[in-house]
Amino acid sequence: MKVTYIQHSGFAVEMEDKVLIFDYYRGEIPAFGRDRDVYVFVSHKHYDHYQRSIFTWTGKFPRITYILSSDVEEAVPSSAPKDNMYFMEPGETLQIEAGESELLIETLRSTDEGVAFVVKTAGHTIYHAGDLNWWHWEEETDTYNRFMKEAYQKEIGMLEGMHIDAAFVPLDPRLDREYYWGLDWFMRHTDTDVVFPMHMQDQYDLYDRLMEEESALDYKTRVAHITREGQSFELD
């Protein structure tokens, strides 16, 4: 399995017979053959997670399928191909025949907009958070921040006991000293092989900051070190 960081929260996951592309915003899509099935996921319609240009990819990738959060439906252009397009609400399950293996997709409810995706295929489990995060804002009320904490922990609790091969989770510097709370909780309450920080606002030095956090000691070797757009990682 090959993972390529595209930009912001956008990633491509390449497998032998298929490619999964999550939350494309901008940047270069890695080159791969037209003989593989391509699955494009959009967690919600915020501009930094969804671009209408994804619907122009049908010429480049003839075997393409779109799995979109239900809030994206109103933002899909009328010219977009409607074949092989699915819309998902939080808490739903979708099964798609995908070449030699099926694609089983489950959704969690985001603490912002849309959904998070859990994708199971070919013996792998992949998690993409979208904007599901522990959003603790210093300027908000204690009531708001307590609600965010409880809502986030509830959703991540649904993943406990599940083995996850690769996870994509926000690490957002705008949250000041609470920037790592969501990723930290996720890694300490799930069985995840490797986590890819995202939503970093191009501040790649957040990785170094996270490595200094005492609570990250038990999982620091399982955090991918992203330093640039287009960077790829080979996973066993």
C-alpha atoms as a PDB file:
ATOM      1  CA  MET A   1       0.000   0.000   0.000  1.00  0.00           C
ATOM      2  CA  LYS A   2       1.411   3.378  -1.038  1.00  0.00           C
ATOM      3  CA  VAL A   3       0.203   6.613   0.565  1.00  0.00           C
ATOM      4  CA  THR A   4       0.855   9.991  -1.077  1.00  0.00           C
ATOM      5  CA  TYR A   5       0.258  13.309   0.639  1.00  0.00           C
ATOM      6  CA  ILE A   6      -1.364  15.636  -1.892  1.00  0.00           C
ATOM      7  CA  GLN A   7      -2.104  18.809   0.072  1.00  0.00           C
ATOM      8  CA  HIS A   8      -3.859  19.908   3.307  1.00  0.00           C
ATOM      9  CA  SER A   9      -6.209  16.932   4.021  1.00  0.00           C
ATOM     10  CA  GLY A  10      -5.829  15.332   0.603  1.00  0.00           C
ATOM     11  CA  PHE A  11      -4.254  11.896   0.269  1.00  0.00           C
ATOM     12  CA  ALA A  12      -4.058   9.121  -2.314  1.00  0.00           C
ATOM     13  CA  VAL A  13      -3.878   5.490  -1.200  1.00  0.00           C
ATOM     14  CA  GLU A  14      -2.700   3.115  -3.926  1.00  0.00           C
ATOM     15  CA  MET A  15      -3.317  -0.622  -3.777  1.00  0.00           C
ATOM     16  CA  GLU A  16      -2.685  -3.313  -6.334  1.00  0.00           C
ATOM     17  CA  ASP A  17      -6.032  -2.990  -8.103  1.00  0.00           C
ATOM     18  CA  LYS A  18      -7.473   0.291  -6.827  1.00  0.00           C
ATOM     19  CA  VAL A  19      -6.727   3.850  -5.731  1.00  0.00           C
ATOM     20  CA  LEU A  20      -8.534   5.787  -2.999  1.00  0.00           C
ATOM     21  CA  ILE A  21      -8.368   9.604  -3.100  1.00  0.00           C
ATOM     22  CA  PHE A  22      -9.537  11.528  -0.042  1.00  0.00           C
ATOM     23  CA  ASP A  23     -10.599  15.173   0.288  1.00  0.00           C
ATOM     24  CA  TYR A  24      -8.832  16.585  -2.758  1.00  0.00           C
ATOM     25  CA  TYR A  25      -8.420  20.329  -2.407  1.00  0.00           C
ATOM     26  CA  ARG A  26      -5.514  21.218  -4.670  1.00  0.00           C
ATOM     27  CA  GLY A  27      -2.135  19.814  -5.704  1.00  0.00           C
ATOM     28  CA  GLU A  28      -0.842  17.089  -8.003  1.00  0.00           C
ATOM     29  CA  ILE A  29      -2.476  13.680  -8.157  1.00  0.00           C
ATOM     30  CA  PRO A  30       0.197  10.950  -8.254  1.00  0.00           C
ATOM     31  CA  ALA A  31       0.609   9.176 -11.565  1.00  0.00           C
ATOM     32  CA  PHE A  32      -0.868   5.695 -11.817  1.00  0.00           C
ATOM     33  CA  GLY A  33      -2.246   3.524 -14.591  1.00  0.00           C
ATOM     34  CA  ARG A  34      -5.748   3.781 -16.032  1.00  0.00           C
ATOM     35  CA  ASP A  35      -6.282   0.070 -15.375  1.00  0.00           C
ATOM     36  CA  ARG A  36      -7.126   0.544 -11.692  1.00  0.00           C
ATOM     37  CA  ASP A  37     -10.449   1.444 -10.128  1.00  0.00           C
ATOM     38  CA  VAL A  38     -10.415   4.935  -8.607  1.00  0.00           C
ATOM     39  CA  TYR A  39     -12.583   5.880  -5.610  1.00  0.00           C
ATOM     40  CA  VAL A  40     -12.889   9.554  -4.724  1.00  0.00           C
ATOM     41  CA  PHE A  41     -14.028  10.421  -1.195  1.00  0.00           C
ATOM     42  CA  VAL A  42     -15.271  13.822  -0.025  1.00  0.00           C
ATOM     43  CA  SER A  43     -15.938  14.196   3.705  1.00  0.00           C
ATOM     44  CA  HIS A  44     -17.821  17.513   3.442  1.00  0.00           C
ATOM     45  CA  LYS A  45     -18.281  20.551   1.234  1.00  0.00           C
ATOM     46  CA  HIS A  46     -15.854  23.017   2.862  1.00  0.00           C
ATOM     47  CA  TYR A  47     -13.683  24.535   0.136  1.00  0.00           C
ATOM     48  CA  ASP A  48     -10.495  23.051   1.606  1.00  0.00           C
ATOM     49  CA  HIS A  49     -11.899  19.500   1.368  1.00  0.00           C
ATOM     50  CA  TYR A  50     -13.938  19.622  -1.848  1.00  0.00           C
ATOM     51  CA  GLN A  51     -13.322  20.969  -5.339  1.00  0.00           C
ATOM     52  CA  ARG A  52     -15.676  20.584  -8.279  1.00  0.00           C
ATOM     53  CA  SER A  53     -12.693  19.785 -10.485  1.00  0.00           C
ATOM     54  CA  ILE A  54     -12.844  16.178  -9.242  1.00  0.00           C
ATOM     55  CA  PHE A  55     -15.729  15.611 -11.646  1.00  0.00           C
ATOM     56  CA  THR A  56     -13.469  16.375 -14.619  1.00  0.00           C
ATOM     57  CA  TRP A  57     -11.361  13.316 -13.812  1.00  0.00           C
ATOM     58  CA  THR A  58     -13.690  10.917 -15.620  1.00  0.00           C
ATOM     59  CA  GLY A  59     -11.693  11.289 -18.830  1.00  0.00           C
ATOM     60  CA  LYS A  60      -8.428  10.556 -17.063  1.00  0.00           C
ATOM     61  CA  PHE A  61      -9.781   7.713 -14.921  1.00  0.00           C
ATOM     62  CA  PRO A  62     -12.501   5.786 -16.808  1.00  0.00           C
ATOM     63  CA  ARG A  63     -13.247   3.500 -13.827  1.00  0.00           C
ATOM     64  CA  ILE A  64     -14.032   6.152 -11.250  1.00  0.00           C
ATOM     65  CA  THR A  65     -16.538   6.146  -8.387  1.00  0.00           C
ATOM     66  CA  TYR A  66     -17.455   9.030  -6.069  1.00  0.00           C
ATOM     67  CA  ILE A  67     -18.358   8.548  -2.395  1.00  0.00           C
ATOM     68  CA  LEU A  68     -19.542  11.883  -1.019  1.00  0.00           C
ATOM     69  CA  SER A  69     -20.924  13.170   2.253  1.00  0.00           C
ATOM     70  CA  SER A  70     -24.624  13.974   1.880  1.00  0.00           C
ATOM     71  CA  ASP A  71     -23.994  17.703   2.458  1.00  0.00           C
ATOM     72  CA  VAL A  72     -21.990  17.775  -0.789  1.00  0.00           C
ATOM     73  CA  GLU A  73     -25.007  16.821  -2.905  1.00  0.00           C
ATOM     74  CA  GLU A  74     -26.275  20.394  -3.226  1.00  0.00           C
ATOM     75  CA  ALA A  75     -22.811  21.524  -4.358  1.00  0.00           C
ATOM     76  CA  VAL A  76     -22.396  18.969  -7.157  1.00  0.00           C
ATOM     77  CA  PRO A  77     -22.558  20.684 -10.582  1.00  0.00           C
ATOM     78  CA  SER A  78     -25.387  19.625 -12.860  1.00  0.00           C
ATOM     79  CA  SER A  79     -22.847  18.584 -15.483  1.00  0.00           C
ATOM     80  CA  ALA A  80     -21.216  16.027 -13.170  1.00  0.00           C
ATOM     81  CA  PRO A  81     -21.649  12.363 -14.155  1.00  0.00           C
ATOM     82  CA  LYS A  82     -24.269  10.817 -11.886  1.00  0.00           C
ATOM     83  CA  ASP A  83     -23.306   7.200 -12.552  1.00  0.00           C
ATOM     84  CA  ASN A  84     -21.237   5.625  -9.779  1.00  0.00           C
ATOM     85  CA  MET A  85     -21.913   8.434  -7.336  1.00  0.00           C
ATOM     86  CA  TYR A  86     -22.974   7.729  -3.755  1.00  0.00           C
ATOM     87  CA  PHE A  87     -23.972  10.088  -0.947  1.00  0.00           C
ATOM     88  CA  MET A  88     -23.575   9.018   2.672  1.00  0.00           C
ATOM     89  CA  GLU A  89     -25.057  10.264   5.930  1.00  0.00           C
ATOM     90  CA  PRO A  90     -23.284   9.833   9.288  1.00  0.00           C
ATOM     91  CA  GLY A  91     -23.664   6.335  10.705  1.00  0.00           C
ATOM     92  CA  GLU A  92     -24.272   4.635   7.363  1.00  0.00           C
ATOM     93  CA  THR A  93     -22.637   1.618   5.724  1.00  0.00           C
ATOM     94  CA  LEU A  94     -22.077   1.150   1.989  1.00  0.00           C
ATOM     95  CA  GLN A  95     -20.779  -1.933   0.204  1.00  0.00           C
ATOM     96  CA  ILE A  96     -19.370  -1.717  -3.326  1.00  0.00           C
ATOM     97  CA  GLU A  97     -17.925  -4.485  -5.471  1.00  0.00           C
ATOM     98  CA  ALA A  98     -14.369  -3.383  -6.187  1.00  0.00           C
ATOM     99  CA  GLY A  99     -12.448  -5.588  -8.591  1.00  0.00           C
ATOM    100  CA  GLU A 100     -11.243  -8.702  -6.810  1.00  0.00           C
ATOM    101  CA  SER A 101     -12.402  -7.416  -3.407  1.00  0.00           C
ATOM    102  CA  GLU A 102     -15.316  -5.449  -2.066  1.00  0.00           C
ATOM    103  CA  LEU A 103     -15.168  -1.967  -0.613  1.00  0.00           C
ATOM    104  CA  LEU A 104     -16.946  -1.644   2.732  1.00  0.00           C
ATOM    105  CA  ILE A 105     -17.414   1.978   3.810  1.00  0.00           C
ATOM    106  CA  GLU A 106     -18.695   3.158   7.173  1.00  0.00           C
ATOM    107  CA  THR A 107     -19.188   6.766   8.269  1.00  0.00           C
ATOM    108  CA  LEU A 108     -18.885   8.588  11.571  1.00  0.00           C
ATOM    109  CA  ARG A 109     -20.480  11.928  12.406  1.00  0.00           C
ATOM    110  CA  SER A 110     -18.086  14.852  12.141  1.00  0.00           C
ATOM    111  CA  THR A 111     -17.787  17.380  14.967  1.00  0.00           C
ATOM    112  CA  ASP A 112     -17.854  20.025  12.223  1.00  0.00           C
ATOM    113  CA  GLU A 113     -19.532  19.228   8.896  1.00  0.00           C
ATOM    114  CA  GLY A 114     -20.134  15.983   7.057  1.00  0.00           C
ATOM    115  CA  VAL A 115     -18.587  12.633   7.916  1.00  0.00           C
ATOM    116  CA  ALA A 116     -15.430  10.684   8.643  1.00  0.00           C
ATOM    117  CA  PHE A 117     -14.760   7.550   6.566  1.00  0.00           C
ATOM    118  CA  VAL A 118     -13.734   4.052   7.612  1.00  0.00           C
ATOM    119  CA  VAL A 119     -12.839   2.065   4.502  1.00  0.00           C
ATOM    120  CA  LYS A 120     -12.202  -1.688   4.547  1.00  0.00           C
ATOM    121  CA  THR A 121     -10.884  -3.458   1.458  1.00  0.00           C
ATOM    122  CA  ALA A 122      -8.431  -6.205   0.527  1.00  0.00           C
ATOM    123  CA  GLY A 123      -7.633  -6.881   4.169  1.00  0.00           C
ATOM    124  CA  HIS A 124      -6.828  -3.239   4.926  1.00  0.00           C
ATOM    125  CA  THR A 125      -8.694  -0.717   7.077  1.00  0.00           C
ATOM    126  CA  ILE A 126      -8.216   2.993   6.387  1.00  0.00           C
ATOM    127  CA  TYR A 127      -9.606   5.901   8.383  1.00  0.00           C
ATOM    128  CA  HIS A 128      -9.972   9.466   7.104  1.00  0.00           C
ATOM    129  CA  ALA A 129     -11.282  11.926   9.673  1.00  0.00           C
ATOM    130  CA  GLY A 130     -12.344  14.772   7.414  1.00  0.00           C
ATOM    131  CA  ASP A 131     -13.065  17.465  10.005  1.00  0.00           C
ATOM    132  CA  LEU A 132     -13.928  15.051  12.809  1.00  0.00           C
ATOM    133  CA  ASN A 133     -11.649  16.439  15.491  1.00  0.00           C
ATOM    134  CA  TRP A 134     -11.492  17.612  19.087  1.00  0.00           C
ATOM    135  CA  TRP A 135     -12.087  21.281  18.248  1.00  0.00           C
ATOM    136  CA  HIS A 136     -11.151  23.112  21.431  1.00  0.00           C
ATOM    137  CA  TRP A 137     -11.157  26.868  20.848  1.00  0.00           C
ATOM    138  CA  GLU A 138      -9.926  29.132  23.639  1.00  0.00           C
ATOM    139  CA  GLU A 139     -12.363  31.866  22.622  1.00  0.00           C
ATOM    140  CA  GLU A 140     -15.385  29.558  22.928  1.00  0.00           C
ATOM    141  CA  THR A 141     -17.403  28.883  26.084  1.00  0.00           C
ATOM    142  CA  ASP A 142     -16.714  26.019  28.468  1.00  0.00           C
ATOM    143  CA  THR A 143     -20.069  24.540  27.465  1.00  0.00           C
ATOM    144  CA  TYR A 144     -19.115  24.520  23.784  1.00  0.00           C
ATOM    145  CA  ASN A 145     -15.694  22.998  24.428  1.00  0.00           C
ATOM    146  CA  ARG A 146     -17.140  20.348  26.734  1.00  0.00           C
ATOM    147  CA  PHE A 147     -19.658  19.400  24.053  1.00  0.00           C
ATOM    148  CA  MET A 148     -16.861  19.113  21.464  1.00  0.00           C
ATOM    149  CA  LYS A 149     -14.829  16.906  23.776  1.00  0.00           C
ATOM    150  CA  GLU A 150     -17.740  14.564  24.476  1.00  0.00           C
ATOM    151  CA  ALA A 151     -18.864  14.412  20.852  1.00  0.00           C
ATOM    152  CA  TYR A 152     -15.369  13.616  19.611  1.00  0.00           C
ATOM    153  CA  GLN A 153     -14.650  10.978  22.199  1.00  0.00           C
ATOM    154  CA  LYS A 154     -17.999   9.325  21.500  1.00  0.00           C
ATOM    155  CA  GLU A 155     -17.266   8.975  17.779  1.00  0.00           C
ATOM    156  CA  ILE A 156     -13.711   7.717  18.282  1.00  0.00           C
ATOM    157  CA  GLY A 157     -15.082   5.234  20.814  1.00  0.00           C
ATOM    158  CA  MET A 158     -16.812   3.490  17.913  1.00  0.00           C
ATOM    159  CA  LEU A 159     -13.369   2.579  16.546  1.00  0.00           C
ATOM    160  CA  GLU A 160     -12.063   0.918  19.693  1.00  0.00           C
ATOM    161  CA  GLY A 161     -11.204  -2.730  19.079  1.00  0.00           C
ATOM    162  CA  MET A 162     -10.786  -2.157  15.321  1.00  0.00           C
ATOM    163  CA  HIS A 163      -7.341  -2.533  13.750  1.00  0.00           C
ATOM    164  CA  ILE A 164      -6.559   0.412  11.466  1.00  0.00           C
ATOM    165  CA  ASP A 165      -3.669   0.202   9.023  1.00  0.00           C
ATOM    166  CA  ALA A 166      -3.506   3.895   8.118  1.00  0.00           C
ATOM    167  CA  ALA A 167      -5.321   6.888   9.580  1.00  0.00           C
ATOM    168  CA  PHE A 168      -5.494  10.515   8.479  1.00  0.00           C
ATOM    169  CA  VAL A 169      -6.194  12.811  11.429  1.00  0.00           C
ATOM    170  CA  PRO A 170      -6.123  16.631  11.918  1.00  0.00           C
ATOM    171  CA  LEU A 171      -3.215  18.326  13.668  1.00  0.00           C
ATOM    172  CA  ASP A 172      -4.268  21.963  13.470  1.00  0.00           C
ATOM    173  CA  PRO A 173      -2.024  24.813  14.700  1.00  0.00           C
ATOM    174  CA  ARG A 174      -4.972  27.220  14.949  1.00  0.00           C
ATOM    175  CA  LEU A 175      -5.998  25.421  18.142  1.00  0.00           C
ATOM    176  CA  ASP A 176      -2.918  26.810  19.940  1.00  0.00           C
ATOM    177  CA  ARG A 177      -1.772  24.525  22.780  1.00  0.00           C
ATOM    178  CA  GLU A 178      -4.676  22.150  22.156  1.00  0.00           C
ATOM    179  CA  TYR A 179      -3.488  21.513  18.575  1.00  0.00           C
ATOM    180  CA  TYR A 180      -2.750  17.819  19.204  1.00  0.00           C
ATOM    181  CA  TRP A 181      -5.596  16.791  21.501  1.00  0.00           C
ATOM    182  CA  GLY A 182      -7.646  15.086  18.788  1.00  0.00           C
ATOM    183  CA  LEU A 183      -4.742  13.091  17.327  1.00  0.00           C
ATOM    184  CA  ASP A 184      -3.458  12.215  20.770  1.00  0.00           C
ATOM    185  CA  TRP A 185      -6.837  10.868  21.907  1.00  0.00           C
ATOM    186  CA  PHE A 186      -7.201   8.947  18.655  1.00  0.00           C
ATOM    187  CA  MET A 187      -3.814   7.258  18.945  1.00  0.00           C
ATOM    188  CA  ARG A 188      -4.283   6.343  22.596  1.00  0.00           C
ATOM    189  CA  HIS A 189      -7.746   4.840  22.025  1.00  0.00           C
ATOM    190  CA  THR A 190      -7.397   3.000  18.717  1.00  0.00           C
ATOM    191  CA  ASP A 191      -5.209   0.209  17.365  1.00  0.00           C
ATOM    192  CA  THR A 192      -3.585   2.158  14.526  1.00  0.00           C
ATOM    193  CA  ASP A 193      -0.363   1.200  12.719  1.00  0.00           C
ATOM    194  CA  VAL A 194       0.465   4.645  11.318  1.00  0.00           C
ATOM    195  CA  VAL A 195      -1.217   8.045  11.525  1.00  0.00           C
ATOM    196  CA  PHE A 196      -0.744  10.784   8.936  1.00  0.00           C
ATOM    197  CA  PRO A 197      -1.222  14.278  10.399  1.00  0.00           C
ATOM    198  CA  MET A 198      -3.281  16.568   8.166  1.00  0.00           C
ATOM    199  CA  HIS A 199      -4.998  19.976   8.157  1.00  0.00           C
ATOM    200  CA  MET A 200      -1.666  21.420   9.325  1.00  0.00           C
ATOM    201  CA  GLN A 201      -2.036  24.714   7.425  1.00  0.00           C
ATOM    202  CA  ASP A 202       1.352  23.971   5.767  1.00  0.00           C
ATOM    203  CA  GLN A 203       3.092  24.132   9.147  1.00  0.00           C
ATOM    204  CA  TYR A 204       5.050  20.907   8.831  1.00  0.00           C
ATOM    205  CA  ASP A 205       7.126  21.695  11.921  1.00  0.00           C
ATOM    206  CA  LEU A 206       4.090  20.636  13.971  1.00  0.00           C
ATOM    207  CA  TYR A 207       5.519  17.133  13.699  1.00  0.00           C
ATOM    208  CA  ASP A 208       8.594  18.192  15.674  1.00  0.00           C
ATOM    209  CA  ARG A 209       6.391  19.909  18.229  1.00  0.00           C
ATOM    210  CA  LEU A 210       4.290  16.761  18.622  1.00  0.00           C
ATOM    211  CA  MET A 211       7.412  14.659  19.122  1.00  0.00           C
ATOM    212  CA  GLU A 212       8.181  16.764  22.210  1.00  0.00           C
ATOM    213  CA  GLU A 213       4.778  16.156  23.817  1.00  0.00           C
ATOM    214  CA  GLU A 214       5.068  13.762  26.743  1.00  0.00           C
ATOM    215  CA  SER A 215       1.765  12.056  25.961  1.00  0.00           C
ATOM    216  CA  ALA A 216       3.024  11.155  22.450  1.00  0.00           C
ATOM    217  CA  LEU A 217       5.801   8.946  23.840  1.00  0.00           C
ATOM    218  CA  ASP A 218       3.891   5.692  23.328  1.00  0.00           C
ATOM    219  CA  TYR A 219       2.994   6.313  19.690  1.00  0.00           C
ATOM    220  CA  LYS A 220       5.602   8.731  18.291  1.00  0.00           C
ATOM    221  CA  THR A 221       7.174   6.002  16.124  1.00  0.00           C
ATOM    222  CA  ARG A 222       3.780   5.526  14.438  1.00  0.00           C
ATOM    223  CA  VAL A 223       3.373   9.131  13.271  1.00  0.00           C
ATOM    224  CA  ALA A 224       4.280   9.744   9.617  1.00  0.00           C
ATOM    225  CA  HIS A 225       6.680  12.642   9.144  1.00  0.00           C
ATOM    226  CA  ILE A 226       5.173  14.736   6.359  1.00  0.00           C
ATOM    227  CA  THR A 227       7.482  17.483   5.099  1.00  0.00           C
ATOM    228  CA  ARG A 228       6.196  18.425   1.649  1.00  0.00           C
ATOM    229  CA  GLU A 229       3.451  18.027  -0.929  1.00  0.00           C
ATOM    230  CA  GLY A 230       3.740  14.947  -3.109  1.00  0.00           C
ATOM    231  CA  GLN A 231       5.601  12.957  -0.456  1.00  0.00           C
ATOM    232  CA  SER A 232       4.950   9.196  -0.613  1.00  0.00           C
ATOM    233  CA  PHE A 233       5.137   6.447   1.968  1.00  0.00           C
ATOM    234  CA  GLU A 234       5.309   2.686   1.300  1.00  0.00           C
ATOM    235  CA  LEU A 235       3.424   0.657   3.921  1.00  0.00           C
ATOM    236  CA  ASP A 236       3.790  -3.098   4.431  1.00  0.00           C
END
